[in-house]
Amino acid sequence: MTNEIPKLTSEQLQDARAAATKARRERAELKAAVRSGKLSISKALETALKSDTLSRVLVLDLIKTQPRIGDKRALEVLRRLGIAENRRIRGLGRHQMSALIAEFH
């Protein structure tokens, strides 16, 4: 039994590319809104949990949108809160969510 990649028509490929581009754009807009201060971390988390696309944002990337927080500090925050580096918003437990909101409130 082989798992072959299905052959897609050029129209299906074009639709898939468009959907992927739209999803990347939505996630970038969420992070930009947090970076600019239009959205707080707590509001961004609330918004992301309502959207399948936005809930796929890495928590690490969301933390790095905060002023003066780069890779090193973001990783320190994740370790302190007990959140894995590769965790996405949709994978946060309620205690992790509460701790993250408290950290940036």
C-alpha atoms as a PDB file:
ATOM      1  CA  MET A   1       0.000   0.000   0.000  1.00  0.00           C
ATOM      2  CA  THR A   2       1.512   3.274  -1.091  1.00  0.00           C
ATOM      3  CA  ASN A   3       0.450   6.737  -0.047  1.00  0.00           C
ATOM      4  CA  GLU A   4       0.700   8.688  -3.231  1.00  0.00           C
ATOM      5  CA  ILE A   5       0.145  12.389  -3.409  1.00  0.00           C
ATOM      6  CA  PRO A   6      -3.139  13.001  -5.216  1.00  0.00           C
ATOM      7  CA  LYS A   7      -2.873  14.636  -8.603  1.00  0.00           C
ATOM      8  CA  LEU A   8      -4.588  18.005  -8.583  1.00  0.00           C
ATOM      9  CA  THR A   9      -5.833  19.896 -11.553  1.00  0.00           C
ATOM     10  CA  SER A  10      -4.318  23.284 -12.239  1.00  0.00           C
ATOM     11  CA  GLU A  11      -7.551  24.871 -11.002  1.00  0.00           C
ATOM     12  CA  GLN A  12      -7.379  22.920  -7.725  1.00  0.00           C
ATOM     13  CA  LEU A  13      -3.740  23.910  -7.297  1.00  0.00           C
ATOM     14  CA  GLN A  14      -4.601  27.556  -7.904  1.00  0.00           C
ATOM     15  CA  ASP A  15      -7.429  27.385  -5.343  1.00  0.00           C
ATOM     16  CA  ALA A  16      -5.129  25.747  -2.782  1.00  0.00           C
ATOM     17  CA  ARG A  17      -2.474  28.423  -3.300  1.00  0.00           C
ATOM     18  CA  ALA A  18      -5.053  31.173  -2.927  1.00  0.00           C
ATOM     19  CA  ALA A  19      -6.395  29.632   0.290  1.00  0.00           C
ATOM     20  CA  ALA A  20      -2.874  29.299   1.725  1.00  0.00           C
ATOM     21  CA  THR A  21      -2.039  32.900   0.836  1.00  0.00           C
ATOM     22  CA  LYS A  22      -5.262  34.116   2.454  1.00  0.00           C
ATOM     23  CA  ALA A  23      -4.503  32.149   5.638  1.00  0.00           C
ATOM     24  CA  ARG A  24      -0.935  33.519   5.851  1.00  0.00           C
ATOM     25  CA  ARG A  25      -2.254  37.043   5.337  1.00  0.00           C
ATOM     26  CA  GLU A  26      -4.864  36.653   8.113  1.00  0.00           C
ATOM     27  CA  ARG A  27      -2.259  35.353  10.560  1.00  0.00           C
ATOM     28  CA  ALA A  28       0.137  38.181   9.661  1.00  0.00           C
ATOM     29  CA  GLU A  29      -2.638  40.746  10.182  1.00  0.00           C
ATOM     30  CA  LEU A  30      -3.376  39.363  13.656  1.00  0.00           C
ATOM     31  CA  LYS A  31       0.290  39.597  14.650  1.00  0.00           C
ATOM     32  CA  ALA A  32       0.575  43.096  13.159  1.00  0.00           C
ATOM     33  CA  ALA A  33      -2.475  44.249  15.140  1.00  0.00           C
ATOM     34  CA  VAL A  34      -0.912  42.984  18.374  1.00  0.00           C
ATOM     35  CA  ARG A  35       2.467  44.521  17.466  1.00  0.00           C
ATOM     36  CA  SER A  36       0.881  47.929  16.802  1.00  0.00           C
ATOM     37  CA  GLY A  37      -1.140  47.849  20.024  1.00  0.00           C
ATOM     38  CA  LYS A  38      -4.540  47.659  18.305  1.00  0.00           C
ATOM     39  CA  LEU A  39      -5.100  44.265  19.951  1.00  0.00           C
ATOM     40  CA  SER A  40      -3.952  43.068  23.353  1.00  0.00           C
ATOM     41  CA  ILE A  41      -2.612  39.553  23.775  1.00  0.00           C
ATOM     42  CA  SER A  42      -5.802  38.529  25.561  1.00  0.00           C
ATOM     43  CA  LYS A  43      -8.021  39.943  22.800  1.00  0.00           C
ATOM     44  CA  ALA A  44      -5.815  38.296  20.153  1.00  0.00           C
ATOM     45  CA  LEU A  45      -6.126  34.933  21.903  1.00  0.00           C
ATOM     46  CA  GLU A  46      -9.896  35.348  22.139  1.00  0.00           C
ATOM     47  CA  THR A  47     -10.106  36.254  18.452  1.00  0.00           C
ATOM     48  CA  ALA A  48      -7.795  33.420  17.399  1.00  0.00           C
ATOM     49  CA  LEU A  49      -9.790  30.769  19.240  1.00  0.00           C
ATOM     50  CA  LYS A  50     -12.851  31.671  17.165  1.00  0.00           C
ATOM     51  CA  SER A  51     -11.008  31.105  13.884  1.00  0.00           C
ATOM     52  CA  ASP A  52      -9.479  27.866  12.665  1.00  0.00           C
ATOM     53  CA  THR A  53      -6.963  29.844  10.610  1.00  0.00           C
ATOM     54  CA  LEU A  54      -5.872  32.204  13.381  1.00  0.00           C
ATOM     55  CA  SER A  55      -5.733  29.470  16.012  1.00  0.00           C
ATOM     56  CA  ARG A  56      -2.782  28.009  14.103  1.00  0.00           C
ATOM     57  CA  VAL A  57      -0.495  30.916  15.036  1.00  0.00           C
ATOM     58  CA  LEU A  58       2.467  29.784  17.114  1.00  0.00           C
ATOM     59  CA  VAL A  59       2.362  31.129  20.670  1.00  0.00           C
ATOM     60  CA  LEU A  60       6.073  31.923  20.301  1.00  0.00           C
ATOM     61  CA  ASP A  61       5.336  34.192  17.313  1.00  0.00           C
ATOM     62  CA  LEU A  62       2.531  35.923  19.198  1.00  0.00           C
ATOM     63  CA  ILE A  63       4.794  36.629  22.175  1.00  0.00           C
ATOM     64  CA  LYS A  64       7.502  38.035  19.893  1.00  0.00           C
ATOM     65  CA  THR A  65       5.071  40.729  18.727  1.00  0.00           C
ATOM     66  CA  GLN A  66       5.476  42.421  22.109  1.00  0.00           C
ATOM     67  CA  PRO A  67       7.908  45.346  22.453  1.00  0.00           C
ATOM     68  CA  ARG A  68      11.456  44.396  23.479  1.00  0.00           C
ATOM     69  CA  ILE A  69      10.762  40.663  23.231  1.00  0.00           C
ATOM     70  CA  GLY A  70      12.833  38.671  20.797  1.00  0.00           C
ATOM     71  CA  ASP A  71      13.603  34.983  20.461  1.00  0.00           C
ATOM     72  CA  LYS A  72      15.496  34.658  23.742  1.00  0.00           C
ATOM     73  CA  ARG A  73      12.964  36.416  25.979  1.00  0.00           C
ATOM     74  CA  ALA A  74      10.031  34.741  24.247  1.00  0.00           C
ATOM     75  CA  LEU A  75      11.560  31.318  24.893  1.00  0.00           C
ATOM     76  CA  GLU A  76      12.149  32.261  28.551  1.00  0.00           C
ATOM     77  CA  VAL A  77       8.472  33.232  28.908  1.00  0.00           C
ATOM     78  CA  LEU A  78       7.339  29.967  27.319  1.00  0.00           C
ATOM     79  CA  ARG A  79       9.574  27.904  29.606  1.00  0.00           C
ATOM     80  CA  ARG A  80       8.431  29.797  32.708  1.00  0.00           C
ATOM     81  CA  LEU A  81       4.768  29.279  31.786  1.00  0.00           C
ATOM     82  CA  GLY A  82       5.254  25.621  30.864  1.00  0.00           C
ATOM     83  CA  ILE A  83       4.333  26.063  27.203  1.00  0.00           C
ATOM     84  CA  ALA A  84       6.143  24.073  24.494  1.00  0.00           C
ATOM     85  CA  GLU A  85       8.056  26.066  21.865  1.00  0.00           C
ATOM     86  CA  ASN A  86       6.006  24.576  19.034  1.00  0.00           C
ATOM     87  CA  ARG A  87       2.606  25.060  20.716  1.00  0.00           C
ATOM     88  CA  ARG A  88      -0.070  26.767  18.668  1.00  0.00           C
ATOM     89  CA  ILE A  89      -2.805  28.925  20.177  1.00  0.00           C
ATOM     90  CA  ARG A  90      -5.419  26.218  19.698  1.00  0.00           C
ATOM     91  CA  GLY A  91      -3.284  23.808  21.705  1.00  0.00           C
ATOM     92  CA  LEU A  92      -3.116  25.917  24.865  1.00  0.00           C
ATOM     93  CA  GLY A  93      -4.754  24.604  28.007  1.00  0.00           C
ATOM     94  CA  ARG A  94      -6.887  26.934  30.104  1.00  0.00           C
ATOM     95  CA  HIS A  95      -4.173  27.333  32.755  1.00  0.00           C
ATOM     96  CA  GLN A  96      -1.577  28.134  30.095  1.00  0.00           C
ATOM     97  CA  MET A  97      -3.983  30.619  28.520  1.00  0.00           C
ATOM     98  CA  SER A  98      -4.598  32.311  31.878  1.00  0.00           C
ATOM     99  CA  ALA A  99      -0.879  32.459  32.642  1.00  0.00           C
ATOM    100  CA  LEU A 100      -0.124  33.955  29.236  1.00  0.00           C
ATOM    101  CA  ILE A 101      -2.810  36.621  29.625  1.00  0.00           C
ATOM    102  CA  ALA A 102      -1.555  37.458  33.138  1.00  0.00           C
ATOM    103  CA  GLU A 103       2.021  37.718  31.851  1.00  0.00           C
ATOM    104  CA  PHE A 104       1.128  40.423  29.330  1.00  0.00           C
ATOM    105  CA  HIS A 105      -1.726  42.203  31.102  1.00  0.00           C
END
